Amino acid sequence: MSAKKLLIIGLVWPEPTSSAAGTRMIQLIDLFLNIGYEITFASAASKSEFSYDFAETSVIEQEIKLNDESFNSFLKALNPSIVLFDRFMIEEQYGWRVQQECPNALRILDTEDLHFLRNARQQSSKKQETIDLFSDTAKREIASVLRCDLSLIISEVEMKILEETFKIDSSLLHYLPFLEKEITEETIQNWIPFENRADFVFIGNFLHEPNWNTVQVLKTKIWPVLRKKLPNVNLNIYGSYASQKVLQLNNKNEKFLIKGRALNAQETIAKHRILLAPIQFGAGVKGKFIDAMQVGTPSITTSVGAEAMKGSLDWNGFFEDDLDAFIDKAVALYLDKAAWLSAQQNGVRIINERYAFQHFADAFISEAENLDLIKHRQKNFVGQILNHHTMQSTKYMSLWIEEKNRK
């Protein structure tokens, strides 16, 4: 029996130390490796010094080119049974080639988060206007969802938006949040205690606009008031890809400290007493809160920050949209050990009940391996139409670029 083959086409080479998207990708890779898949990870992006080192794994790396027929030859030779697209832009670029060369391969879109939702919220926040989801980005992203056999959705809120607002059939969507190790009593015993922790912390990849915006809110609206109430406490800001505009916010006198990249996010968060993240817009599920819960660090965020993460459970701290109340709760939680320990336990419950690996892994693999593609695709006739029409336009544009590049 031939080995099961998975091809992942990456927007970038995964950087789990830089972003939650990188962590998510490695979790998916581990999931398929554990059940015996041969995995090839292909990307046209350049590697960075922070790209994940696959040398310790059996994953095969493959550099590919955009708008180049060499990808078709590679695809035909590999003949994967599953192809996973890393975000909708990658499906737009390579989907028609996969359909052409490997029509019987299961096509999975990993959305990471809904880009159109994040962009709509960003525009709404900047312009102080009602949110408008019906954008060109939404048309592109939802078309990609419809062309694929399954789309992985990381947030229940996003599932609801796709099913109710855009009427996407639930058979095309699979809820798959972060896949986390359960927090055991032994893990809890090894956490740094309340008395040995100091300061507030924020962490986030600065290439991600919601993180940069959050730091601006901390700098201009929250910290000037909060530091007067807790004058001996620092706010430590960590994040990969900090530009000059981020670095220049560093101010030792104000105890607002830009620390740059954290080599290990969880170890960094674990040293501090509270994670502060007044997120104003965004989508998906926030990796920083997962990391905080995994090391017993309570957090204070907004309703957007906590969205879809806690379900019916209590948050591991507070979420508060009014900034004055946000500040008051930050002070109270920082000083009150009993409230802090209670918040910590809330985080344990959220991870163990809503993100533990065993709750989701088997159901996803079962669906991926047992889907009757012929019946599934017949039911998704709109997807067939989109594959027939939109992919033709993408195909001929790509072939035109190929031809142009030869000259």
Protein backbone atom coordinates (compact mmCIF):
# COMPACT_ATOMS: atom_id res chain seq x y z
CA MET A 1 0.00 0.00 0.00
CA SER A 2 1.44 3.37 -1.01
CA ALA A 3 2.00 6.00 1.66
CA LYS A 4 -0.58 8.74 2.11
CA LYS A 5 0.78 12.00 0.76
CA LEU A 6 -0.02 15.53 1.86
CA LEU A 7 1.18 18.60 -0.03
CA ILE A 8 1.04 21.89 1.86
CA ILE A 9 1.49 25.03 -0.25
CA GLY A 10 2.62 27.79 2.08
CA LEU A 11 2.17 31.52 1.71
CA VAL A 12 5.39 31.72 3.74
CA TRP A 13 7.71 29.22 5.41
CA PRO A 14 6.25 28.74 8.91
CA GLU A 15 7.70 30.87 11.72
CA PRO A 16 6.18 29.58 14.98
CA THR A 17 8.36 31.95 17.01
CA SER A 18 6.99 34.92 15.05
CA SER A 19 3.26 34.36 14.77
CA ALA A 20 0.27 32.26 15.76
CA ALA A 21 -0.16 31.40 12.06
CA GLY A 22 3.25 29.70 12.14
CA THR A 23 2.31 27.78 15.28
CA ARG A 24 -0.99 26.71 13.73
CA MET A 25 0.79 25.36 10.64
CA ILE A 26 3.23 23.29 12.69
CA GLN A 27 0.30 21.86 14.68
CA LEU A 28 -1.35 20.75 11.43
CA ILE A 29 1.90 19.23 10.17
CA ASP A 30 2.39 17.32 13.43
CA LEU A 31 -1.19 16.06 13.25
CA PHE A 32 -0.64 14.49 9.82
CA LEU A 33 2.87 13.23 10.63
CA ASN A 34 1.50 11.38 13.66
CA ILE A 35 -0.80 9.29 11.47
CA GLY A 36 1.83 8.38 8.90
CA TYR A 37 1.50 10.90 6.11
CA GLU A 38 4.40 11.76 3.85
CA ILE A 39 4.38 15.56 3.90
CA THR A 40 5.86 17.95 1.38
CA PHE A 41 5.88 21.63 2.30
CA ALA A 42 6.22 23.88 -0.74
CA SER A 43 6.49 27.65 -0.94
CA ALA A 44 7.59 30.33 -3.38
CA ALA A 45 8.52 32.64 -0.48
CA SER A 46 12.05 33.27 0.69
CA LYS A 47 13.13 31.74 3.97
CA SER A 48 14.16 33.82 6.96
CA GLU A 49 16.45 32.97 9.83
CA PHE A 50 13.30 32.31 11.87
CA SER A 51 11.75 29.81 9.46
CA TYR A 52 10.95 26.48 11.08
CA ASP A 53 13.72 23.89 10.74
CA PHE A 54 12.18 20.79 9.19
CA ALA A 55 15.55 18.96 9.28
CA GLU A 56 14.54 17.15 12.49
CA THR A 57 11.35 15.85 10.84
CA SER A 58 10.50 13.74 7.80
CA VAL A 59 8.88 16.74 6.06
CA ILE A 60 10.26 17.33 2.56
CA GLU A 61 10.86 20.96 1.62
CA GLN A 62 10.20 22.11 -1.93
CA GLU A 63 10.88 25.54 -3.38
CA ILE A 64 8.37 26.42 -6.08
CA LYS A 65 7.84 29.31 -8.46
CA LEU A 66 4.85 31.53 -9.09
CA ASN A 67 3.30 31.39 -12.56
CA ASP A 68 5.58 28.60 -13.73
CA GLU A 69 4.74 25.28 -15.35
CA SER A 70 7.48 23.58 -13.32
CA PHE A 71 4.93 23.45 -10.49
CA ASN A 72 2.65 21.31 -12.65
CA SER A 73 5.45 18.81 -13.31
CA PHE A 74 6.29 18.67 -9.60
CA LEU A 75 2.62 18.22 -8.70
CA LYS A 76 2.07 15.43 -11.23
CA ALA A 77 5.13 13.52 -10.01
CA LEU A 78 4.18 13.89 -6.36
CA ASN A 79 0.51 12.98 -6.89
CA PRO A 80 -0.69 13.87 -3.36
CA SER A 81 -3.97 12.58 -1.97
CA ILE A 82 -4.51 15.84 -0.02
CA VAL A 83 -3.45 19.38 -0.92
CA LEU A 84 -3.67 22.05 1.79
CA PHE A 85 -3.59 25.72 0.78
CA ASP A 86 -2.18 28.11 3.36
CA ARG A 87 -4.69 31.00 3.08
CA PHE A 88 -6.94 31.93 0.20
CA MET A 89 -4.32 33.85 -1.79
CA ILE A 90 -2.41 30.59 -2.25
CA GLU A 91 -5.53 28.77 -3.45
CA GLU A 92 -6.11 31.55 -5.98
CA GLN A 93 -2.57 31.15 -7.27
CA TYR A 94 -2.23 27.37 -7.39
CA GLY A 95 -5.77 25.95 -7.13
CA TRP A 96 -6.37 25.61 -10.86
CA ARG A 97 -3.06 23.79 -11.32
CA VAL A 98 -3.96 21.34 -8.54
CA GLN A 99 -7.40 20.81 -10.07
CA GLN A 100 -5.82 20.20 -13.49
CA GLU A 101 -3.03 17.82 -12.43
CA CYS A 102 -4.59 16.10 -9.37
CA PRO A 103 -8.37 16.22 -9.82
CA ASN A 104 -8.91 13.45 -7.25
CA ALA A 105 -6.90 15.12 -4.47
CA LEU A 106 -8.85 16.51 -1.53
CA ARG A 107 -8.41 20.30 -1.55
CA ILE A 108 -8.33 21.89 1.91
CA LEU A 109 -8.14 25.62 2.60
CA ASP A 110 -6.63 26.67 5.94
CA THR A 111 -8.08 30.15 6.34
CA GLU A 112 -5.94 31.00 9.45
CA ASP A 113 -8.57 33.64 10.11
CA LEU A 114 -11.08 35.32 7.84
CA HIS A 115 -9.09 38.08 6.18
CA PHE A 116 -12.18 39.91 4.98
CA LEU A 117 -13.53 40.05 8.53
CA ARG A 118 -10.29 41.43 9.95
CA ASN A 119 -10.04 44.00 7.15
CA ALA A 120 -13.67 45.09 7.54
CA ARG A 121 -13.21 45.59 11.28
CA GLN A 122 -10.01 47.53 10.67
CA GLN A 123 -11.75 49.88 8.25
CA SER A 124 -14.70 50.26 10.62
CA SER A 125 -12.37 51.10 13.52
CA LYS A 126 -10.37 53.65 11.51
CA LYS A 127 -13.34 55.39 9.91
CA GLN A 128 -15.72 54.99 12.87
CA GLU A 129 -18.30 53.58 10.50
CA THR A 130 -20.62 50.58 10.64
CA ILE A 131 -18.83 47.38 9.67
CA ASP A 132 -19.30 46.30 6.04
CA LEU A 133 -18.45 42.66 5.40
CA PHE A 134 -19.41 42.66 1.71
CA SER A 135 -16.05 43.69 0.28
CA ASP A 136 -13.98 42.56 -2.71
CA THR A 137 -11.77 40.65 -0.26
CA ALA A 138 -14.87 38.81 0.99
CA LYS A 139 -15.79 37.89 -2.58
CA ARG A 140 -12.30 36.50 -3.21
CA GLU A 141 -12.02 34.64 0.10
CA ILE A 142 -15.50 33.12 -0.03
CA ALA A 143 -14.98 32.10 -3.66
CA SER A 144 -11.88 30.26 -2.48
CA VAL A 145 -13.89 28.55 0.28
CA LEU A 146 -16.48 27.43 -2.30
CA ARG A 147 -13.84 26.09 -4.71
CA CYS A 148 -12.26 23.90 -2.02
CA ASP A 149 -13.62 20.66 -0.60
CA LEU A 150 -13.08 21.68 3.02
CA SER A 151 -12.12 24.94 4.72
CA LEU A 152 -10.61 24.95 8.19
CA ILE A 153 -12.17 27.66 10.36
CA ILE A 154 -10.44 28.56 13.61
CA SER A 155 -13.28 30.48 15.28
CA GLU A 156 -16.92 29.61 16.00
CA VAL A 157 -17.84 33.25 15.36
CA GLU A 158 -16.36 32.95 11.88
CA MET A 159 -18.26 29.69 11.31
CA LYS A 160 -21.47 31.52 12.18
CA ILE A 161 -20.71 34.45 9.85
CA LEU A 162 -20.01 32.12 6.93
CA GLU A 163 -23.07 29.96 7.53
CA GLU A 164 -25.60 32.66 8.43
CA THR A 165 -24.47 35.84 6.65
CA PHE A 166 -23.01 34.24 3.52
CA LYS A 167 -25.10 31.03 3.48
CA ILE A 168 -22.11 28.71 3.05
CA ASP A 169 -23.13 25.07 3.42
CA SER A 170 -21.79 23.63 6.66
CA SER A 171 -20.47 20.55 4.80
CA LEU A 172 -17.76 22.79 3.30
CA LEU A 173 -16.57 24.09 6.68
CA HIS A 174 -14.71 22.33 9.48
CA TYR A 175 -14.19 24.00 12.85
CA LEU A 176 -10.60 23.31 13.86
CA PRO A 177 -9.17 25.61 16.55
CA PHE A 178 -5.62 25.52 17.90
CA LEU A 179 -4.67 21.97 18.88
CA GLU A 180 -3.18 22.27 22.36
CA LYS A 181 -1.69 19.95 24.96
CA GLU A 182 -3.95 19.55 27.96
CA ILE A 183 -2.82 21.41 31.10
CA THR A 184 -2.18 18.85 33.85
CA GLU A 185 -1.83 19.29 37.61
CA GLU A 186 1.89 18.64 37.18
CA THR A 187 2.10 21.50 34.68
CA ILE A 188 0.31 23.83 37.10
CA GLN A 189 2.70 22.92 39.93
CA ASN A 190 5.61 24.09 37.79
CA TRP A 191 4.14 27.51 36.97
CA ILE A 192 5.88 30.58 38.35
CA PRO A 193 3.87 31.73 41.40
CA PHE A 194 2.13 35.10 41.79
CA GLU A 195 4.82 36.49 44.14
CA ASN A 196 7.65 35.71 41.72
CA ARG A 197 6.08 37.50 38.77
CA ALA A 198 6.29 41.17 37.96
CA ASP A 199 5.04 43.65 35.37
CA PHE A 200 2.57 43.66 32.51
CA VAL A 201 3.37 42.17 29.11
CA PHE A 202 2.09 42.43 25.55
CA ILE A 203 3.31 40.26 22.69
CA GLY A 204 2.50 40.18 18.97
CA ASN A 205 3.93 40.06 15.45
CA PHE A 206 4.21 43.68 14.26
CA LEU A 207 3.59 42.76 10.63
CA HIS A 208 0.03 42.15 11.83
CA GLU A 209 -1.82 45.50 11.88
CA PRO A 210 -4.06 44.71 14.90
CA ASN A 211 -0.95 44.25 17.05
CA TRP A 212 0.59 47.57 16.04
CA ASN A 213 -2.74 49.30 16.70
CA THR A 214 -2.96 47.63 20.13
CA VAL A 215 0.47 48.92 21.12
CA GLN A 216 -0.57 52.43 20.10
CA VAL A 217 -3.66 52.15 22.31
CA LEU A 218 -1.49 50.95 25.21
CA LYS A 219 1.00 53.77 24.70
CA THR A 220 -1.43 56.67 24.29
CA LYS A 221 -4.60 55.74 26.18
CA ILE A 222 -3.93 53.08 28.79
CA TRP A 223 -0.39 53.27 30.09
CA PRO A 224 -0.33 57.03 30.89
CA VAL A 225 -3.15 56.39 33.42
CA LEU A 226 -2.23 52.85 34.51
CA ARG A 227 1.40 53.65 35.38
CA LYS A 228 0.29 56.40 37.76
CA LYS A 229 -1.81 53.87 39.66
CA LEU A 230 1.03 51.30 39.72
CA PRO A 231 4.17 53.49 39.60
CA ASN A 232 6.68 50.69 40.24
CA VAL A 233 5.44 48.43 37.45
CA ASN A 234 6.75 48.13 33.87
CA LEU A 235 4.91 47.38 30.64
CA ASN A 236 7.09 45.08 28.50
CA ILE A 237 6.27 44.93 24.78
CA TYR A 238 7.56 41.95 22.81
CA GLY A 239 7.08 41.14 19.15
CA SER A 240 8.76 40.02 15.98
CA TYR A 241 9.45 42.40 13.09
CA ALA A 242 9.35 45.60 15.15
CA SER A 243 9.92 48.54 12.80
CA GLN A 244 11.47 51.87 13.70
CA LYS A 245 8.04 53.34 14.48
CA VAL A 246 7.60 50.61 17.11
CA LEU A 247 11.10 50.89 18.55
CA GLN A 248 10.83 54.65 19.01
CA LEU A 249 7.95 54.16 21.47
CA ASN A 250 10.46 52.77 24.00
CA ASN A 251 10.64 55.07 27.06
CA LYS A 252 12.50 53.96 30.18
CA ASN A 253 11.27 56.92 32.21
CA GLU A 254 7.68 55.93 31.50
CA LYS A 255 8.52 52.24 32.10
CA PHE A 256 7.13 51.50 28.61
CA LEU A 257 9.74 49.06 27.30
CA ILE A 258 10.02 47.75 23.74
CA LYS A 259 11.89 44.46 24.07
CA GLY A 260 11.76 43.13 20.48
CA ARG A 261 11.41 39.49 19.51
CA ALA A 262 10.78 36.87 22.20
CA LEU A 263 12.67 33.68 21.35
CA ASN A 264 10.09 31.68 23.29
CA ALA A 265 6.70 33.36 23.68
CA GLN A 266 5.44 31.12 26.47
CA GLU A 267 8.60 31.42 28.59
CA THR A 268 8.50 35.20 28.14
CA ILE A 269 4.82 35.55 29.07
CA ALA A 270 5.30 33.19 32.06
CA LYS A 271 7.61 35.68 33.85
CA HIS A 272 4.98 38.40 33.93
CA ARG A 273 1.88 38.77 36.06
CA ILE A 274 -0.69 39.92 33.46
CA LEU A 275 -0.97 40.07 29.68
CA LEU A 276 -2.55 43.34 28.52
CA ALA A 277 -4.11 43.32 25.05
CA PRO A 278 -6.74 46.02 24.33
CA ILE A 279 -7.31 44.70 20.80
CA GLN A 280 -9.54 47.03 18.77
CA PHE A 281 -10.04 44.91 15.65
CA GLY A 282 -9.06 41.52 14.32
CA ALA A 283 -10.42 38.06 13.58
CA GLY A 284 -9.76 34.42 14.32
CA VAL A 285 -8.39 33.21 17.62
CA LYS A 286 -5.48 34.97 19.30
CA GLY A 287 -2.39 32.84 19.88
CA LYS A 288 -1.11 35.21 22.57
CA PHE A 289 -4.01 34.25 24.86
CA ILE A 290 -3.47 30.54 24.25
CA ASP A 291 0.21 31.00 25.18
CA ALA A 292 -0.76 32.98 28.29
CA MET A 293 -3.22 30.32 29.46
CA GLN A 294 -0.65 27.58 28.87
CA VAL A 295 1.72 29.22 31.38
CA GLY A 296 -0.87 30.47 33.87
CA THR A 297 -0.74 34.18 33.01
CA PRO A 298 -4.15 35.92 33.28
CA SER A 299 -5.04 38.48 30.65
CA ILE A 300 -7.14 41.59 30.19
CA THR A 301 -8.46 42.25 26.72
CA THR A 302 -11.52 43.52 24.82
CA SER A 303 -14.59 41.69 23.55
CA VAL A 304 -12.89 41.43 20.12
CA GLY A 305 -9.82 39.93 21.77
CA ALA A 306 -11.76 37.31 23.71
CA GLU A 307 -14.19 36.64 20.86
CA ALA A 308 -15.03 32.97 20.28
CA MET A 309 -12.24 31.85 22.61
CA LYS A 310 -14.05 31.22 25.87
CA GLY A 311 -17.42 29.87 24.72
CA SER A 312 -19.68 29.78 27.78
CA LEU A 313 -16.71 29.64 30.20
CA ASP A 314 -15.31 32.50 32.26
CA TRP A 315 -12.35 34.42 30.79
CA ASN A 316 -8.90 34.02 32.35
CA GLY A 317 -9.05 37.59 33.64
CA PHE A 318 -11.33 40.26 32.21
CA PHE A 319 -12.48 41.53 28.85
CA GLU A 320 -13.58 45.13 28.83
CA ASP A 321 -14.17 47.60 25.96
CA ASP A 322 -14.40 50.73 28.12
CA LEU A 323 -10.76 51.81 28.57
CA ASP A 324 -11.28 53.38 32.02
CA ALA A 325 -12.81 50.13 33.29
CA PHE A 326 -10.02 48.22 31.50
CA ILE A 327 -7.44 50.17 33.53
CA ASP A 328 -9.30 49.68 36.83
CA LYS A 329 -9.50 45.93 36.26
CA ALA A 330 -5.81 45.75 35.36
CA VAL A 331 -4.94 47.38 38.69
CA ALA A 332 -7.30 45.15 40.68
CA LEU A 333 -6.10 41.91 39.07
CA TYR A 334 -2.45 42.89 39.42
CA LEU A 335 -2.81 43.36 43.20
CA ASP A 336 -5.36 40.69 44.15
CA LYS A 337 -3.75 37.25 44.42
CA ALA A 338 -7.03 35.40 45.00
CA ALA A 339 -8.65 36.94 41.89
CA TRP A 340 -5.46 36.26 39.94
CA LEU A 341 -5.42 32.57 40.90
CA SER A 342 -9.10 32.25 40.03
CA ALA A 343 -8.44 33.81 36.59
CA GLN A 344 -5.55 31.38 36.12
CA GLN A 345 -7.88 28.41 36.73
CA ASN A 346 -10.34 29.81 34.19
CA GLY A 347 -7.56 29.62 31.63
CA VAL A 348 -6.92 25.98 32.49
CA ARG A 349 -10.58 25.17 31.83
CA ILE A 350 -10.62 27.06 28.52
CA ILE A 351 -7.57 25.17 27.21
CA ASN A 352 -8.66 21.74 28.46
CA GLU A 353 -12.30 21.99 27.41
CA ARG A 354 -12.04 24.04 24.21
CA TYR A 355 -8.56 23.54 22.71
CA ALA A 356 -7.23 20.18 23.83
CA PHE A 357 -5.85 18.23 20.87
CA GLN A 358 -7.90 15.10 21.55
CA HIS A 359 -11.23 16.90 21.20
CA PHE A 360 -10.67 17.74 17.53
CA ALA A 361 -7.89 15.73 15.85
CA ASP A 362 -9.68 12.44 15.19
CA ALA A 363 -12.87 14.03 13.87
CA PHE A 364 -10.94 16.17 11.39
CA ILE A 365 -8.79 13.32 10.10
CA SER A 366 -11.84 11.08 9.81
CA GLU A 367 -13.64 13.65 7.68
CA ALA A 368 -10.58 14.35 5.52
CA GLU A 369 -9.96 10.67 4.83
CA ASN A 370 -13.54 9.45 4.41
CA LEU A 371 -15.12 12.24 2.38
CA ASP A 372 -16.86 10.92 -0.75
CA LEU A 373 -15.44 13.51 -3.13
CA ILE A 374 -17.76 12.75 -6.04
CA LYS A 375 -20.94 13.19 -3.99
CA HIS A 376 -19.46 16.06 -1.98
CA ARG A 377 -18.54 18.01 -5.12
CA GLN A 378 -21.89 17.31 -6.80
CA LYS A 379 -23.63 18.83 -3.78
CA ASN A 380 -21.40 21.92 -4.03
CA PHE A 381 -22.50 22.96 -7.52
CA VAL A 382 -21.67 26.65 -6.92
CA GLY A 383 -18.11 25.53 -6.23
CA GLN A 384 -18.07 23.65 -9.54
CA ILE A 385 -19.23 26.80 -11.33
CA LEU A 386 -16.50 28.85 -9.67
CA ASN A 387 -13.88 26.26 -10.52
CA HIS A 388 -15.07 26.28 -14.11
CA HIS A 389 -15.18 30.05 -14.58
CA THR A 390 -13.00 31.94 -12.12
CA MET A 391 -10.15 29.47 -12.28
CA GLN A 392 -10.13 29.78 -16.06
CA SER A 393 -9.49 33.52 -15.79
CA THR A 394 -6.79 32.93 -13.15
CA LYS A 395 -5.31 30.17 -15.29
CA TYR A 396 -5.00 32.27 -18.44
CA MET A 397 -3.62 35.26 -16.56
CA SER A 398 -1.00 32.95 -15.04
CA LEU A 399 -0.19 31.39 -18.40
CA TRP A 400 0.17 34.88 -19.90
CA ILE A 401 2.65 35.80 -17.15
CA GLU A 402 4.51 32.51 -17.76
CA GLU A 403 4.81 33.35 -21.45
CA LYS A 404 5.92 36.90 -20.68
CA ASN A 405 8.60 35.61 -18.30
CA ARG A 406 10.09 33.43 -21.03
CA LYS A 407 10.91 36.47 -23.20
